[in-house]
Amino acid sequence: MQTLITSDISRLSLHDSSFENIVRRGKHLKLTFDWAKLDNFKEANIDEAIIMGKTKIFLTGVHSEQFKIFDPTDSTMFIIPSLPENYATETEVIGTTSINDDAKSVKIGRLIKENEAYRWTEWSFLFDTCEVSWTSFVTYSEWQNGKLPED
């Protein structure tokens, strides 16, 4: 059964998640991840964190998009190219996620391998609406005991 939330999205963490794909249609983005963590699942009266299986995020009105690749020799320098076409298929997991419900902003940080060197990247954007959905989850306690979400 698919579960959907549309508020208090800042509870979501994508740390150690991997992109499965990114689909862009105009100002809409659909991001699919192999898993994610929600600090609590208050909608189901679960106070502890949950680990979700395949997770989809659907955003509308995406704007003010920025992509940064930091120079490994000087962290204060960066290049702002467009989002690379292969960004979703890069093998490195997500390192940081920042979602702000009030500002309606997202920032995702991760390493990418480019010319045999790893470089830190940050992809940030603003949005109008956001929906997060998943079909399976386990509680954090269950996950610590070895149980995995079944997709």
C-alpha atoms as a PDB file:
ATOM      1  CA  MET A   1       0.000   0.000   0.000  1.00  0.00           C
ATOM      2  CA  GLN A   2       1.362   3.397  -0.971  1.00  0.00           C
ATOM      3  CA  THR A   3       1.700   6.032   1.741  1.00  0.00           C
ATOM      4  CA  LEU A   4       1.847   9.755   0.977  1.00  0.00           C
ATOM      5  CA  ILE A   5       2.750  12.851   2.983  1.00  0.00           C
ATOM      6  CA  THR A   6       2.529  16.458   1.845  1.00  0.00           C
ATOM      7  CA  SER A   7       3.525  18.423   4.944  1.00  0.00           C
ATOM      8  CA  ASP A   8       6.409  18.640   7.416  1.00  0.00           C
ATOM      9  CA  ILE A   9       8.739  17.332   4.692  1.00  0.00           C
ATOM     10  CA  SER A  10      11.792  18.544   6.648  1.00  0.00           C
ATOM     11  CA  ARG A  11      11.520  15.262   8.619  1.00  0.00           C
ATOM     12  CA  LEU A  12      12.895  13.502   5.542  1.00  0.00           C
ATOM     13  CA  SER A  13      16.574  12.551   5.342  1.00  0.00           C
ATOM     14  CA  LEU A  14      18.208  11.122   2.244  1.00  0.00           C
ATOM     15  CA  HIS A  15      21.593  10.514   3.909  1.00  0.00           C
ATOM     16  CA  ASP A  16      23.096   7.318   2.428  1.00  0.00           C
ATOM     17  CA  SER A  17      20.293   7.103  -0.159  1.00  0.00           C
ATOM     18  CA  SER A  18      20.975   6.679  -3.866  1.00  0.00           C
ATOM     19  CA  PHE A  19      19.084   8.142  -6.784  1.00  0.00           C
ATOM     20  CA  GLU A  20      17.249   5.643  -8.955  1.00  0.00           C
ATOM     21  CA  ASN A  21      16.122   8.312 -11.395  1.00  0.00           C
ATOM     22  CA  ILE A  22      15.213  11.934 -11.959  1.00  0.00           C
ATOM     23  CA  VAL A  23      12.316  12.792 -14.265  1.00  0.00           C
ATOM     24  CA  ARG A  24      11.825  16.420 -15.227  1.00  0.00           C
ATOM     25  CA  ARG A  25       8.722  17.753 -16.970  1.00  0.00           C
ATOM     26  CA  GLY A  26       8.845  21.521 -17.194  1.00  0.00           C
ATOM     27  CA  LYS A  27       8.819  22.831 -13.624  1.00  0.00           C
ATOM     28  CA  HIS A  28       7.920  19.432 -12.146  1.00  0.00           C
ATOM     29  CA  LEU A  29      10.478  16.972 -10.753  1.00  0.00           C
ATOM     30  CA  LYS A  30       9.977  13.359  -9.769  1.00  0.00           C
ATOM     31  CA  LEU A  31      12.917  11.995  -7.773  1.00  0.00           C
ATOM     32  CA  THR A  32      13.143   8.293  -6.944  1.00  0.00           C
ATOM     33  CA  PHE A  33      15.504   6.968  -4.263  1.00  0.00           C
ATOM     34  CA  ASP A  34      16.412   3.478  -3.102  1.00  0.00           C
ATOM     35  CA  TRP A  35      15.425   4.358   0.474  1.00  0.00           C
ATOM     36  CA  ALA A  36      15.017   7.277   2.888  1.00  0.00           C
ATOM     37  CA  LYS A  37      14.513   8.004   6.564  1.00  0.00           C
ATOM     38  CA  LEU A  38      11.639   9.926   8.138  1.00  0.00           C
ATOM     39  CA  ASP A  39      12.293  11.283  11.663  1.00  0.00           C
ATOM     40  CA  ASN A  40       8.800  10.216  12.724  1.00  0.00           C
ATOM     41  CA  PHE A  41       5.626   8.980  11.112  1.00  0.00           C
ATOM     42  CA  LYS A  42       3.140  10.969  13.158  1.00  0.00           C
ATOM     43  CA  GLU A  43       0.396  10.284  10.590  1.00  0.00           C
ATOM     44  CA  ALA A  44       0.483   6.629  11.725  1.00  0.00           C
ATOM     45  CA  ASN A  45       1.139   7.480  15.402  1.00  0.00           C
ATOM     46  CA  ILE A  46       4.756   6.280  15.193  1.00  0.00           C
ATOM     47  CA  ASP A  47       7.038   8.547  17.214  1.00  0.00           C
ATOM     48  CA  GLU A  48      10.332   6.929  16.242  1.00  0.00           C
ATOM     49  CA  ALA A  49      12.077   7.228  12.899  1.00  0.00           C
ATOM     50  CA  ILE A  50      11.127   4.952  10.043  1.00  0.00           C
ATOM     51  CA  ILE A  51      13.297   3.611   7.236  1.00  0.00           C
ATOM     52  CA  MET A  52      11.358   3.597   3.988  1.00  0.00           C
ATOM     53  CA  GLY A  53      11.858   1.397   0.962  1.00  0.00           C
ATOM     54  CA  LYS A  54      11.772   2.894  -2.524  1.00  0.00           C
ATOM     55  CA  THR A  55      10.871   6.541  -1.983  1.00  0.00           C
ATOM     56  CA  LYS A  56       9.445   8.988  -4.508  1.00  0.00           C
ATOM     57  CA  ILE A  57       9.371  12.749  -4.191  1.00  0.00           C
ATOM     58  CA  PHE A  58       7.151  14.738  -6.541  1.00  0.00           C
ATOM     59  CA  LEU A  59       7.785  18.490  -6.622  1.00  0.00           C
ATOM     60  CA  THR A  60       5.893  21.156  -8.545  1.00  0.00           C
ATOM     61  CA  GLY A  61       6.929  24.704  -9.372  1.00  0.00           C
ATOM     62  CA  VAL A  62      10.647  23.951  -9.190  1.00  0.00           C
ATOM     63  CA  HIS A  63      12.662  27.146  -9.701  1.00  0.00           C
ATOM     64  CA  SER A  64      15.845  28.974  -8.671  1.00  0.00           C
ATOM     65  CA  GLU A  65      17.758  25.768  -9.347  1.00  0.00           C
ATOM     66  CA  GLN A  66      21.507  25.799  -8.756  1.00  0.00           C
ATOM     67  CA  PHE A  67      24.130  23.101  -9.163  1.00  0.00           C
ATOM     68  CA  LYS A  68      27.616  23.509  -7.696  1.00  0.00           C
ATOM     69  CA  ILE A  69      30.710  21.387  -8.123  1.00  0.00           C
ATOM     70  CA  PHE A  70      33.404  22.317  -5.631  1.00  0.00           C
ATOM     71  CA  ASP A  71      37.050  22.346  -6.634  1.00  0.00           C
ATOM     72  CA  PRO A  72      38.833  19.628  -4.585  1.00  0.00           C
ATOM     73  CA  THR A  73      41.964  21.766  -4.266  1.00  0.00           C
ATOM     74  CA  ASP A  74      40.162  24.891  -3.012  1.00  0.00           C
ATOM     75  CA  SER A  75      36.787  24.401  -1.316  1.00  0.00           C
ATOM     76  CA  THR A  76      35.924  28.085  -1.666  1.00  0.00           C
ATOM     77  CA  MET A  77      35.902  27.856  -5.463  1.00  0.00           C
ATOM     78  CA  PHE A  78      33.046  26.278  -7.374  1.00  0.00           C
ATOM     79  CA  ILE A  79      31.664  25.891 -10.842  1.00  0.00           C
ATOM     80  CA  ILE A  80      27.939  26.314 -11.497  1.00  0.00           C
ATOM     81  CA  PRO A  81      27.145  24.183 -14.539  1.00  0.00           C
ATOM     82  CA  SER A  82      23.739  22.708 -15.259  1.00  0.00           C
ATOM     83  CA  LEU A  83      22.722  19.469 -13.571  1.00  0.00           C
ATOM     84  CA  PRO A  84      24.690  16.677 -15.309  1.00  0.00           C
ATOM     85  CA  GLU A  85      22.551  14.275 -17.349  1.00  0.00           C
ATOM     86  CA  ASN A  86      24.069  11.302 -15.499  1.00  0.00           C
ATOM     87  CA  TYR A  87      23.566  12.789 -12.021  1.00  0.00           C
ATOM     88  CA  ALA A  88      21.002  10.136 -11.047  1.00  0.00           C
ATOM     89  CA  THR A  89      23.171   7.248 -12.213  1.00  0.00           C
ATOM     90  CA  GLU A  90      26.292   8.295 -10.319  1.00  0.00           C
ATOM     91  CA  THR A  91      27.237   5.569  -7.846  1.00  0.00           C
ATOM     92  CA  GLU A  92      27.933   7.729  -4.796  1.00  0.00           C
ATOM     93  CA  VAL A  93      25.290   7.951  -2.087  1.00  0.00           C
ATOM     94  CA  ILE A  94      23.836  11.208  -0.847  1.00  0.00           C
ATOM     95  CA  GLY A  95      25.820  12.750   1.976  1.00  0.00           C
ATOM     96  CA  THR A  96      23.611  15.618   3.129  1.00  0.00           C
ATOM     97  CA  THR A  97      20.020  16.712   2.741  1.00  0.00           C
ATOM     98  CA  SER A  98      18.454  19.961   3.855  1.00  0.00           C
ATOM     99  CA  ILE A  99      14.733  20.516   3.369  1.00  0.00           C
ATOM    100  CA  ASN A 100      13.109  23.687   4.663  1.00  0.00           C
ATOM    101  CA  ASP A 101       9.294  23.619   4.777  1.00  0.00           C
ATOM    102  CA  ASP A 102       8.913  27.366   5.352  1.00  0.00           C
ATOM    103  CA  ALA A 103      11.302  28.436   2.573  1.00  0.00           C
ATOM    104  CA  LYS A 104      10.168  25.504   0.388  1.00  0.00           C
ATOM    105  CA  SER A 105      13.777  24.684  -0.419  1.00  0.00           C
ATOM    106  CA  VAL A 106      15.832  21.545  -0.953  1.00  0.00           C
ATOM    107  CA  LYS A 107      19.614  21.095  -0.925  1.00  0.00           C
ATOM    108  CA  ILE A 108      21.232  17.746  -1.685  1.00  0.00           C
ATOM    109  CA  GLY A 109      24.976  17.225  -1.248  1.00  0.00           C
ATOM    110  CA  ARG A 110      26.971  14.269  -2.548  1.00  0.00           C
ATOM    111  CA  LEU A 111      30.265  13.227  -4.031  1.00  0.00           C
ATOM    112  CA  ILE A 112      30.594  12.499  -7.722  1.00  0.00           C
ATOM    113  CA  LYS A 113      33.553  10.951  -9.470  1.00  0.00           C
ATOM    114  CA  GLU A 114      34.897  13.051 -12.291  1.00  0.00           C
ATOM    115  CA  ASN A 115      38.135  12.240 -14.146  1.00  0.00           C
ATOM    116  CA  GLU A 116      39.273   9.802 -11.426  1.00  0.00           C
ATOM    117  CA  ALA A 117      38.794  12.466  -8.734  1.00  0.00           C
ATOM    118  CA  TYR A 118      35.945  12.845  -6.264  1.00  0.00           C
ATOM    119  CA  ARG A 119      34.282  16.241  -6.059  1.00  0.00           C
ATOM    120  CA  TRP A 120      31.633  17.496  -3.671  1.00  0.00           C
ATOM    121  CA  THR A 121      28.419  18.730  -5.311  1.00  0.00           C
ATOM    122  CA  GLU A 122      25.384  20.614  -4.074  1.00  0.00           C
ATOM    123  CA  TRP A 123      22.079  20.726  -5.934  1.00  0.00           C
ATOM    124  CA  SER A 124      19.571  23.203  -4.555  1.00  0.00           C
ATOM    125  CA  PHE A 125      16.209  24.527  -5.658  1.00  0.00           C
ATOM    126  CA  LEU A 126      12.943  26.030  -4.483  1.00  0.00           C
ATOM    127  CA  PHE A 127       9.520  24.447  -5.023  1.00  0.00           C
ATOM    128  CA  ASP A 128       5.803  25.185  -4.713  1.00  0.00           C
ATOM    129  CA  THR A 129       4.462  21.805  -3.538  1.00  0.00           C
ATOM    130  CA  CYS A 130       6.012  18.518  -2.454  1.00  0.00           C
ATOM    131  CA  GLU A 131       4.659  14.989  -2.017  1.00  0.00           C
ATOM    132  CA  VAL A 132       6.680  12.103  -0.602  1.00  0.00           C
ATOM    133  CA  SER A 133       5.440   8.553  -1.164  1.00  0.00           C
ATOM    134  CA  TRP A 134       6.599   5.035  -0.357  1.00  0.00           C
ATOM    135  CA  THR A 135       5.136   1.534  -0.235  1.00  0.00           C
ATOM    136  CA  SER A 136       7.059  -0.130   2.586  1.00  0.00           C
ATOM    137  CA  PHE A 137       8.873   0.822   5.762  1.00  0.00           C
ATOM    138  CA  VAL A 138      10.290  -0.518   8.999  1.00  0.00           C
ATOM    139  CA  THR A 139      10.732   1.323  12.268  1.00  0.00           C
ATOM    140  CA  TYR A 140      14.212   2.426  13.225  1.00  0.00           C
ATOM    141  CA  SER A 141      14.234  -0.187  16.017  1.00  0.00           C
ATOM    142  CA  GLU A 142      13.340  -2.939  13.536  1.00  0.00           C
ATOM    143  CA  TRP A 143      16.016  -1.692  11.125  1.00  0.00           C
ATOM    144  CA  GLN A 144      18.648  -1.791  13.894  1.00  0.00           C
ATOM    145  CA  ASN A 145      17.671  -5.431  14.436  1.00  0.00           C
ATOM    146  CA  GLY A 146      18.276  -6.276  10.775  1.00  0.00           C
ATOM    147  CA  LYS A 147      14.800  -5.974   9.273  1.00  0.00           C
ATOM    148  CA  LEU A 148      14.590  -4.236   5.881  1.00  0.00           C
ATOM    149  CA  PRO A 149      11.684  -2.589   4.082  1.00  0.00           C
ATOM    150  CA  GLU A 150      10.247  -4.935   1.466  1.00  0.00           C
ATOM    151  CA  ASP A 151       9.543  -3.306  -1.908  1.00  0.00           C
END
